[in-house]
């Protein structure tokens, strides 16, 4: 009976600690904003052709 109680307490503590660790790891800094486009960047922003080759099959 005592062993079952300790097992239940250990399970609850393990779940709570696991959630805290996952929550901590999820907090990543945001990506920095890209620099504003210049006139040379606007010219480079032309859509390119698709590459030929293998692609994912559609089901």
PDB file of N, CA and C in Angstrom:
ATOM      1  N   UNK A   1       0.824  -1.188   0.000  1.00  0.00           N
ATOM      2  CA  UNK A   1       0.000   0.000   0.000  1.00  0.00           C
ATOM      3  C   UNK A   1       0.876   1.264   0.000  1.00  0.00           C
ATOM      4  N   UNK A   2       1.907   1.274   0.824  1.00  0.00           N
ATOM      5  CA  UNK A   2       2.799   2.436   0.889  1.00  0.00           C
ATOM      6  C   UNK A   2       3.568   2.580  -0.420  1.00  0.00           C
ATOM      7  N   UNK A   3       3.965   1.447  -1.007  1.00  0.00           N
ATOM      8  CA  UNK A   3       4.707   1.488  -2.266  1.00  0.00           C
ATOM      9  C   UNK A   3       3.843   2.067  -3.384  1.00  0.00           C
ATOM     10  N   UNK A   4       2.568   1.733  -3.397  1.00  0.00           N
ATOM     11  CA  UNK A   4       1.660   2.264  -4.409  1.00  0.00           C
ATOM     12  C   UNK A   4       1.504   3.775  -4.251  1.00  0.00           C
ATOM     13  N   UNK A   5       1.456   4.257  -3.017  1.00  0.00           N
ATOM     14  CA  UNK A   5       1.337   5.695  -2.778  1.00  0.00           C
ATOM     15  C   UNK A   5       2.594   6.419  -3.254  1.00  0.00           C
ATOM     16  N   UNK A   6       3.775   5.850  -2.955  1.00  0.00           N
ATOM     17  CA  UNK A   6       5.018   6.467  -3.419  1.00  0.00           C
ATOM     18  C   UNK A   6       5.091   6.460  -4.949  1.00  0.00           C
ATOM     19  N   UNK A   7       4.618   5.394  -5.555  1.00  0.00           N
ATOM     20  CA  UNK A   7       4.622   5.316  -7.015  1.00  0.00           C
ATOM     21  C   UNK A   7       3.698   6.379  -7.614  1.00  0.00           C
ATOM     22  N   UNK A   8       2.543   6.583  -6.996  1.00  0.00           N
ATOM     23  CA  UNK A   8       1.618   7.606  -7.483  1.00  0.00           C
ATOM     24  C   UNK A   8       2.221   9.001  -7.327  1.00  0.00           C
ATOM     25  N   UNK A   9       2.855   9.257  -6.187  1.00  0.00           N
ATOM     26  CA  UNK A   9       3.475  10.566  -5.971  1.00  0.00           C
ATOM     27  C   UNK A   9       4.609  10.789  -6.967  1.00  0.00           C
ATOM     28  N   UNK A  10       5.426   9.763  -7.190  1.00  0.00           N
ATOM     29  CA  UNK A  10       6.535   9.895  -8.134  1.00  0.00           C
ATOM     30  C   UNK A  10       6.020  10.135  -9.552  1.00  0.00           C
ATOM     31  N   UNK A  11       4.920   9.502  -9.918  1.00  0.00           N
ATOM     32  CA  UNK A  11       4.346   9.705 -11.250  1.00  0.00           C
ATOM     33  C   UNK A  11       3.854  11.134 -11.415  1.00  0.00           C
ATOM     34  N   UNK A  12       3.147  11.647 -10.423  1.00  0.00           N
ATOM     35  CA  UNK A  12       2.628  13.013 -10.501  1.00  0.00           C
ATOM     36  C   UNK A  12       3.773  14.015 -10.567  1.00  0.00           C
ATOM     37  N   UNK A  13       4.785  13.831  -9.729  1.00  0.00           N
ATOM     38  CA  UNK A  13       5.931  14.739  -9.745  1.00  0.00           C
ATOM     39  C   UNK A  13       6.656  14.667 -11.085  1.00  0.00           C
ATOM     40  N   UNK A  14       6.815  13.465 -11.627  1.00  0.00           N
ATOM     41  CA  UNK A  14       7.477  13.303 -12.924  1.00  0.00           C
ATOM     42  C   UNK A  14       6.723  14.002 -14.044  1.00  0.00           C
ATOM     43  N   UNK A  15       5.405  13.894 -14.029  1.00  0.00           N
ATOM     44  CA  UNK A  15       4.605  14.559 -15.061  1.00  0.00           C
ATOM     45  C   UNK A  15       4.730  16.075 -14.938  1.00  0.00           C
ATOM     46  N   UNK A  16       4.648  16.581 -13.709  1.00  0.00           N
ATOM     47  CA  UNK A  16       4.748  18.037 -13.519  1.00  0.00           C
ATOM     48  C   UNK A  16       6.121  18.575 -13.916  1.00  0.00           C
ATOM     49  N   UNK A  17       7.175  17.874 -13.544  1.00  0.00           N
ATOM     50  CA  UNK A  17       8.526  18.314 -13.905  1.00  0.00           C
ATOM     51  C   UNK A  17       8.704  18.236 -15.421  1.00  0.00           C
ATOM     52  N   UNK A  18       8.189  17.200 -16.052  1.00  0.00           N
ATOM     53  CA  UNK A  18       8.277  17.082 -17.507  1.00  0.00           C
ATOM     54  C   UNK A  18       7.575  18.229 -18.219  1.00  0.00           C
ATOM     55  N   UNK A  19       6.404  18.619 -17.706  1.00  0.00           N
ATOM     56  CA  UNK A  19       5.684  19.751 -18.313  1.00  0.00           C
ATOM     57  C   UNK A  19       6.469  21.045 -18.151  1.00  0.00           C
ATOM     58  N   UNK A  20       7.068  21.239 -16.978  1.00  0.00           N
ATOM     59  CA  UNK A  20       7.853  22.451 -16.755  1.00  0.00           C
ATOM     60  C   UNK A  20       9.048  22.512 -17.702  1.00  0.00           C
ATOM     61  N   UNK A  21       9.705  21.385 -17.903  1.00  0.00           N
ATOM     62  CA  UNK A  21      10.865  21.357 -18.799  1.00  0.00           C
ATOM     63  C   UNK A  21      10.437  21.620 -20.232  1.00  0.00           C
ATOM     64  N   UNK A  22       9.338  21.008 -20.670  1.00  0.00           N
ATOM     65  CA  UNK A  22       8.858  21.249 -22.040  1.00  0.00           C
ATOM     66  C   UNK A  22       8.463  22.701 -22.230  1.00  0.00           C
ATOM     67  N   UNK A  23       7.827  23.291 -21.221  1.00  0.00           N
ATOM     68  CA  UNK A  23       7.430  24.695 -21.318  1.00  0.00           C
ATOM     69  C   UNK A  23       8.663  25.596 -21.393  1.00  0.00           C
ATOM     70  N   UNK A  24       9.689  25.274 -20.609  1.00  0.00           N
ATOM     71  CA  UNK A  24      10.923  26.066 -20.628  1.00  0.00           C
ATOM     72  C   UNK A  24      11.618  25.963 -21.980  1.00  0.00           C
ATOM     73  N   UNK A  25      11.660  24.747 -22.536  1.00  0.00           N
ATOM     74  CA  UNK A  25      12.346  24.556 -23.815  1.00  0.00           C
ATOM     75  C   UNK A  25      11.585  25.189 -24.970  1.00  0.00           C
ATOM     76  N   UNK A  26      10.293  25.376 -24.821  1.00  0.00           N
ATOM     77  CA  UNK A  26       9.495  25.969 -25.884  1.00  0.00           C
ATOM     78  C   UNK A  26       9.737  27.463 -25.993  1.00  0.00           C
ATOM     79  N   UNK A  27      10.285  28.088 -24.974  1.00  0.00           N
ATOM     80  CA  UNK A  27      10.488  29.534 -24.976  1.00  0.00           C
ATOM     81  C   UNK A  27      11.801  29.865 -25.677  1.00  0.00           C
ATOM     82  N   UNK A  28      11.728  30.070 -26.976  1.00  0.00           N
ATOM     83  CA  UNK A  28      12.908  30.422 -27.759  1.00  0.00           C
ATOM     84  C   UNK A  28      12.772  31.879 -28.192  1.00  0.00           C
ATOM     85  N   UNK A  29      13.883  32.569 -28.334  1.00  0.00           N
ATOM     86  CA  UNK A  29      13.788  33.970 -28.771  1.00  0.00           C
ATOM     87  C   UNK A  29      13.269  34.053 -30.205  1.00  0.00           C
ATOM     88  N   UNK A  30      12.590  35.133 -30.491  1.00  0.00           N
ATOM     89  CA  UNK A  30      12.056  35.322 -31.840  1.00  0.00           C
ATOM     90  C   UNK A  30      13.188  35.660 -32.803  1.00  0.00           C
ATOM     91  N   UNK A  31      12.954  35.371 -34.060  1.00  0.00           N
ATOM     92  CA  UNK A  31      13.955  35.657 -35.088  1.00  0.00           C
ATOM     93  C   UNK A  31      14.057  37.176 -35.279  1.00  0.00           C
ATOM     94  N   UNK A  32      15.254  37.676 -35.534  1.00  0.00           N
ATOM     95  CA  UNK A  32      15.390  39.124 -35.754  1.00  0.00           C
ATOM     96  C   UNK A  32      14.708  39.533 -37.056  1.00  0.00           C
ATOM     97  N   UNK A  33      14.234  40.768 -37.091  1.00  0.00           N
ATOM     98  CA  UNK A  33      13.584  41.285 -38.293  1.00  0.00           C
ATOM     99  C   UNK A  33      14.605  41.397 -39.422  1.00  0.00           C
ATOM    100  N   UNK A  34      14.204  41.061 -40.654  1.00  0.00           N
ATOM    101  CA  UNK A  34      15.135  41.203 -41.775  1.00  0.00           C
ATOM    102  C   UNK A  34      15.387  42.687 -42.062  1.00  0.00           C
ATOM    103  N   UNK A  35      16.538  42.990 -42.628  1.00  0.00           N
ATOM    104  CA  UNK A  35      16.817  44.402 -42.947  1.00  0.00           C
ATOM    105  C   UNK A  35      15.869  44.888 -44.038  1.00  0.00           C
ATOM    106  N   UNK A  36      15.616  46.175 -44.098  1.00  0.00           N
ATOM    107  CA  UNK A  36      14.711  46.698 -45.127  1.00  0.00           C
ATOM    108  C   UNK A  36      15.298  46.454 -46.522  1.00  0.00           C
ATOM    109  N   UNK A  37      14.448  46.194 -47.507  1.00  0.00           N
ATOM    110  CA  UNK A  37      14.954  45.926 -48.862  1.00  0.00           C
ATOM    111  C   UNK A  37      15.572  47.159 -49.491  1.00  0.00           C
ATOM    112  N   UNK A  38      16.619  46.920 -50.248  1.00  0.00           N
ATOM    113  CA  UNK A  38      17.252  48.002 -50.995  1.00  0.00           C
ATOM    114  C   UNK A  38      16.847  47.876 -52.459  1.00  0.00           C
ATOM    115  N   UNK A  39      17.262  48.808 -53.275  1.00  0.00           N
ATOM    116  CA  UNK A  39      16.870  48.768 -54.690  1.00  0.00           C
ATOM    117  C   UNK A  39      17.458  47.551 -55.397  1.00  0.00           C
ATOM    118  N   UNK A  40      18.633  47.097 -54.994  1.00  0.00           N
ATOM    119  CA  UNK A  40      19.215  45.922 -55.633  1.00  0.00           C
ATOM    120  C   UNK A  40      18.487  44.653 -55.210  1.00  0.00           C
ATOM    121  N   UNK A  41      17.926  44.627 -53.976  1.00  0.00           N
ATOM    122  CA  UNK A  41      17.183  43.464 -53.525  1.00  0.00           C
ATOM    123  C   UNK A  41      15.848  43.340 -54.246  1.00  0.00           C
ATOM    124  N   UNK A  42      15.245  44.464 -54.601  1.00  0.00           N
ATOM    125  CA  UNK A  42      13.962  44.440 -55.288  1.00  0.00           C
ATOM    126  C   UNK A  42      14.127  43.797 -56.663  1.00  0.00           C
ATOM    127  N   UNK A  43      15.224  44.083 -57.348  1.00  0.00           N
ATOM    128  CA  UNK A  43      15.460  43.500 -58.661  1.00  0.00           C
ATOM    129  C   UNK A  43      15.691  42.000 -58.564  1.00  0.00           C
ATOM    130  N   UNK A  44      16.271  41.533 -57.476  1.00  0.00           N
ATOM    131  CA  UNK A  44      16.538  40.106 -57.315  1.00  0.00           C
ATOM    132  C   UNK A  44      15.287  39.325 -56.950  1.00  0.00           C
ATOM    133  N   UNK A  45      14.214  40.006 -56.584  1.00  0.00           N
ATOM    134  CA  UNK A  45      13.008  39.344 -56.111  1.00  0.00           C
ATOM    135  C   UNK A  45      12.100  38.933 -57.268  1.00  0.00           C
ATOM    136  N   UNK A  46      12.685  38.463 -58.344  1.00  0.00           N
ATOM    137  CA  UNK A  46      11.932  38.006 -59.505  1.00  0.00           C
ATOM    138  C   UNK A  46      11.670  36.516 -59.329  1.00  0.00           C
ATOM    139  N   UNK A  47      10.434  36.059 -59.558  1.00  0.00           N
ATOM    140  CA  UNK A  47      10.168  34.630 -59.391  1.00  0.00           C
ATOM    141  C   UNK A  47      11.012  33.792 -60.352  1.00  0.00           C
ATOM    142  N   UNK A  48      11.476  32.683 -59.868  1.00  0.00           N
ATOM    143  CA  UNK A  48      12.294  31.807 -60.694  1.00  0.00           C
ATOM    144  C   UNK A  48      11.458  30.651 -61.208  1.00  0.00           C
ATOM    145  N   UNK A  49      11.950  29.981 -62.222  1.00  0.00           N
ATOM    146  CA  UNK A  49      11.245  28.821 -62.758  1.00  0.00           C
ATOM    147  C   UNK A  49      11.383  27.652 -61.805  1.00  0.00           C
ATOM    148  N   UNK A  50      10.425  26.755 -61.904  1.00  0.00           N
ATOM    149  CA  UNK A  50      10.501  25.554 -61.081  1.00  0.00           C
ATOM    150  C   UNK A  50      11.564  24.634 -61.641  1.00  0.00           C
ATOM    151  N   UNK A  51      12.213  23.943 -60.743  1.00  0.00           N
ATOM    152  CA  UNK A  51      13.243  22.997 -61.150  1.00  0.00           C
ATOM    153  C   UNK A  51      12.579  21.696 -61.584  1.00  0.00           C
ATOM    154  N   UNK A  52      13.081  21.108 -62.645  1.00  0.00           N
ATOM    155  CA  UNK A  52      12.543  19.821 -63.049  1.00  0.00           C
ATOM    156  C   UNK A  52      13.216  18.728 -62.242  1.00  0.00           C
ATOM    157  N   UNK A  53      12.524  17.645 -62.074  1.00  0.00           N
ATOM    158  CA  UNK A  53      13.095  16.524 -61.318  1.00  0.00           C
ATOM    159  C   UNK A  53      12.042  15.823 -60.510  1.00  0.00           C
ATOM    160  N   UNK A  54      12.495  15.032 -59.576  1.00  0.00           N
ATOM    161  CA  UNK A  54      11.559  14.252 -58.778  1.00  0.00           C
ATOM    162  C   UNK A  54      10.834  15.135 -57.777  1.00  0.00           C
ATOM    163  N   UNK A  55       9.601  14.813 -57.557  1.00  0.00           N
ATOM    164  CA  UNK A  55       8.817  15.551 -56.573  1.00  0.00           C
ATOM    165  C   UNK A  55       8.041  14.550 -55.732  1.00  0.00           C
ATOM    166  N   UNK A  56       7.389  15.050 -54.707  1.00  0.00           N
ATOM    167  CA  UNK A  56       6.580  14.174 -53.864  1.00  0.00           C
ATOM    168  C   UNK A  56       5.371  13.699 -54.642  1.00  0.00           C
ATOM    169  N   UNK A  57       5.034  12.454 -54.468  1.00  0.00           N
ATOM    170  CA  UNK A  57       3.850  11.917 -55.135  1.00  0.00           C
ATOM    171  C   UNK A  57       2.598  12.377 -54.411  1.00  0.00           C
ATOM    172  N   UNK A  58       1.610  12.692 -55.171  1.00  0.00           N
ATOM    173  CA  UNK A  58       0.324  13.079 -54.583  1.00  0.00           C
ATOM    174  C   UNK A  58      -0.554  11.846 -54.508  1.00  0.00           C
ATOM    175  N   UNK A  59      -1.261  11.706 -53.403  1.00  0.00           N
ATOM    176  CA  UNK A  59      -2.124  10.533 -53.265  1.00  0.00           C
ATOM    177  C   UNK A  59      -3.568  10.886 -53.442  1.00  0.00           C
TER     178      UNK A  59
END
